[in-house]
Amino acid sequence: MAKMQAFKNKDLRRKGYIEELNAMNITTSREGVPLEQLDYEALRYEKTIASFREIDSETSSNAWF
């Protein structure tokens, strides 16, 4: 039962990542694979990379130094 619940949760998170990436106008991975074909780990990676691209480094609050 717990294994089935974990699978459902991971599938929901996977769908959430797809929705978030689509909202950012991203429909394929950096390698050109459609998001719908990626597994949970690959989607998480793509979301992480995309979130770094969204940060505006020119703003003083986001500057490193």
N, C-alpha and C. Protein backbone atom coordinates (compact mmCIF):
# COMPACT_ATOMS: atom_id res chain seq x y z
N MET A 1 0.82 -1.20 0.00
CA MET A 1 0.00 0.00 0.00
C MET A 1 0.87 1.26 0.00
N ALA A 2 1.91 1.28 0.83
CA ALA A 2 2.78 2.45 0.91
C ALA A 2 3.51 2.67 -0.41
N LYS A 3 3.87 1.57 -1.08
CA LYS A 3 4.58 1.69 -2.35
C LYS A 3 3.66 2.32 -3.41
N MET A 4 2.39 1.93 -3.38
CA MET A 4 1.43 2.49 -4.33
C MET A 4 1.23 3.97 -4.07
N GLN A 5 1.17 4.37 -2.81
CA GLN A 5 0.99 5.78 -2.44
C GLN A 5 2.21 6.59 -2.88
N ALA A 6 3.40 6.05 -2.69
CA ALA A 6 4.62 6.74 -3.10
C ALA A 6 4.64 6.93 -4.62
N PHE A 7 4.17 5.92 -5.36
CA PHE A 7 4.11 6.03 -6.81
C PHE A 7 3.15 7.13 -7.24
N LYS A 8 2.00 7.21 -6.58
CA LYS A 8 1.02 8.25 -6.91
C LYS A 8 1.57 9.63 -6.61
N ASN A 9 2.25 9.77 -5.47
CA ASN A 9 2.82 11.07 -5.11
C ASN A 9 3.88 11.50 -6.12
N LYS A 10 4.73 10.57 -6.52
CA LYS A 10 5.79 10.89 -7.47
C LYS A 10 5.18 11.25 -8.83
N ASP A 11 4.12 10.56 -9.20
CA ASP A 11 3.46 10.87 -10.47
C ASP A 11 2.82 12.25 -10.41
N LEU A 12 2.23 12.62 -9.28
CA LEU A 12 1.65 13.95 -9.14
C LEU A 12 2.73 15.02 -9.19
N ARG A 13 3.86 14.78 -8.54
CA ARG A 13 4.96 15.74 -8.59
C ARG A 13 5.50 15.85 -10.00
N ARG A 14 5.58 14.73 -10.71
CA ARG A 14 6.05 14.73 -12.09
C ARG A 14 5.14 15.60 -12.96
N LYS A 15 3.84 15.43 -12.81
CA LYS A 15 2.88 16.25 -13.57
C LYS A 15 3.01 17.72 -13.19
N GLY A 16 3.26 17.99 -11.91
CA GLY A 16 3.45 19.36 -11.46
C GLY A 16 4.67 20.01 -12.10
N TYR A 17 5.76 19.26 -12.20
CA TYR A 17 6.96 19.77 -12.86
C TYR A 17 6.68 20.08 -14.33
N ILE A 18 5.94 19.20 -14.99
CA ILE A 18 5.60 19.44 -16.40
C ILE A 18 4.79 20.72 -16.53
N GLU A 19 3.81 20.91 -15.66
CA GLU A 19 2.99 22.13 -15.70
C GLU A 19 3.83 23.38 -15.45
N GLU A 20 4.73 23.32 -14.47
CA GLU A 20 5.59 24.47 -14.16
C GLU A 20 6.51 24.81 -15.33
N LEU A 21 7.09 23.79 -15.94
CA LEU A 21 7.98 24.01 -17.07
C LEU A 21 7.20 24.55 -18.27
N ASN A 22 6.01 24.03 -18.49
CA ASN A 22 5.18 24.55 -19.58
C ASN A 22 4.83 26.02 -19.35
N ALA A 23 4.58 26.39 -18.09
CA ALA A 23 4.29 27.79 -17.76
C ALA A 23 5.49 28.69 -18.05
N MET A 24 6.68 28.12 -18.04
CA MET A 24 7.91 28.86 -18.34
C MET A 24 8.24 28.77 -19.84
N ASN A 25 7.29 28.29 -20.64
CA ASN A 25 7.45 28.10 -22.10
C ASN A 25 8.54 27.10 -22.44
N ILE A 26 8.70 26.09 -21.61
CA ILE A 26 9.66 25.01 -21.87
C ILE A 26 8.85 23.75 -22.17
N THR A 27 9.05 23.19 -23.35
CA THR A 27 8.30 22.00 -23.75
C THR A 27 9.19 20.79 -23.99
N THR A 28 10.51 21.03 -24.08
CA THR A 28 11.45 19.94 -24.28
C THR A 28 12.63 20.10 -23.33
N SER A 29 13.32 19.01 -23.09
CA SER A 29 14.52 19.06 -22.25
C SER A 29 15.64 19.74 -23.01
N ARG A 30 16.75 19.95 -22.35
CA ARG A 30 17.90 20.57 -23.01
C ARG A 30 18.46 19.67 -24.10
N GLU A 31 18.16 18.38 -24.02
CA GLU A 31 18.60 17.43 -25.04
C GLU A 31 17.58 17.28 -26.17
N GLY A 32 16.44 17.96 -26.06
CA GLY A 32 15.42 17.92 -27.11
C GLY A 32 14.34 16.87 -26.91
N VAL A 33 14.30 16.22 -25.75
CA VAL A 33 13.29 15.20 -25.47
C VAL A 33 12.03 15.89 -24.93
N PRO A 34 10.84 15.54 -25.45
CA PRO A 34 9.61 16.13 -24.91
C PRO A 34 9.47 15.85 -23.41
N LEU A 35 8.97 16.84 -22.67
CA LEU A 35 8.85 16.70 -21.23
C LEU A 35 8.03 15.49 -20.81
N GLU A 36 7.01 15.17 -21.58
CA GLU A 36 6.13 14.06 -21.24
C GLU A 36 6.86 12.72 -21.24
N GLN A 37 8.00 12.64 -21.91
CA GLN A 37 8.76 11.39 -21.98
C GLN A 37 9.82 11.27 -20.89
N LEU A 38 10.02 12.34 -20.12
CA LEU A 38 11.05 12.33 -19.08
C LEU A 38 10.53 11.72 -17.79
N ASP A 39 11.43 11.10 -17.03
CA ASP A 39 11.03 10.58 -15.73
C ASP A 39 11.11 11.69 -14.68
N TYR A 40 10.73 11.37 -13.47
CA TYR A 40 10.66 12.35 -12.39
C TYR A 40 12.00 13.03 -12.15
N GLU A 41 13.08 12.27 -12.09
CA GLU A 41 14.40 12.83 -11.79
C GLU A 41 14.85 13.80 -12.90
N ALA A 42 14.62 13.44 -14.14
CA ALA A 42 15.00 14.30 -15.26
C ALA A 42 14.19 15.60 -15.25
N LEU A 43 12.91 15.49 -14.93
CA LEU A 43 12.07 16.69 -14.85
C LEU A 43 12.52 17.60 -13.72
N ARG A 44 12.89 17.02 -12.60
CA ARG A 44 13.38 17.81 -11.47
C ARG A 44 14.65 18.56 -11.86
N TYR A 45 15.53 17.89 -12.59
CA TYR A 45 16.75 18.52 -13.07
C TYR A 45 16.44 19.68 -14.02
N GLU A 46 15.54 19.46 -14.97
CA GLU A 46 15.18 20.50 -15.92
C GLU A 46 14.56 21.70 -15.21
N LYS A 47 13.75 21.46 -14.19
CA LYS A 47 13.13 22.55 -13.42
C LYS A 47 14.19 23.34 -12.68
N THR A 48 15.17 22.66 -12.13
CA THR A 48 16.26 23.33 -11.41
C THR A 48 17.04 24.23 -12.35
N ILE A 49 17.41 23.72 -13.51
CA ILE A 49 18.16 24.49 -14.49
C ILE A 49 17.33 25.69 -14.95
N ALA A 50 16.06 25.48 -15.21
CA ALA A 50 15.18 26.57 -15.67
C ALA A 50 15.04 27.65 -14.60
N SER A 51 14.99 27.26 -13.34
CA SER A 51 14.83 28.25 -12.29
C SER A 51 16.08 29.12 -12.17
N PHE A 52 17.26 28.58 -12.45
CA PHE A 52 18.47 29.39 -12.45
C PHE A 52 18.45 30.41 -13.58
N ARG A 53 17.87 30.03 -14.71
CA ARG A 53 17.79 30.96 -15.84
C ARG A 53 16.83 32.10 -15.57
N GLU A 54 15.87 31.90 -14.67
CA GLU A 54 14.88 32.94 -14.36
C GLU A 54 15.44 34.03 -13.45
N ILE A 55 16.49 33.75 -12.71
CA ILE A 55 17.04 34.71 -11.76
C ILE A 55 17.69 35.86 -12.51
N ASP A 56 17.32 37.06 -12.16
CA ASP A 56 17.87 38.26 -12.78
C ASP A 56 19.11 38.68 -12.00
N SER A 57 20.28 38.40 -12.53
CA SER A 57 21.53 38.68 -11.82
C SER A 57 21.88 40.17 -11.84
N GLU A 58 21.21 40.95 -12.66
CA GLU A 58 21.48 42.37 -12.71
C GLU A 58 20.88 43.12 -11.52
N THR A 59 19.89 42.54 -10.87
CA THR A 59 19.27 43.16 -9.71
C THR A 59 20.22 43.06 -8.52
N SER A 60 20.32 44.12 -7.76
CA SER A 60 21.28 44.12 -6.64
C SER A 60 20.97 43.06 -5.60
N SER A 61 19.71 42.72 -5.41
CA SER A 61 19.37 41.69 -4.42
C SER A 61 19.79 40.29 -4.85
N ASN A 62 20.02 40.10 -6.16
CA ASN A 62 20.43 38.80 -6.67
C ASN A 62 21.91 38.75 -7.03
N ALA A 63 22.62 39.83 -6.82
CA ALA A 63 24.04 39.88 -7.14
C ALA A 63 24.84 39.02 -6.16
N TRP A 64 25.88 38.40 -6.66
CA TRP A 64 26.71 37.54 -5.81
C TRP A 64 27.69 38.34 -4.97
N PHE A 65 28.17 39.45 -5.54
CA PHE A 65 29.18 40.25 -4.83
C PHE A 65 28.74 41.69 -4.76
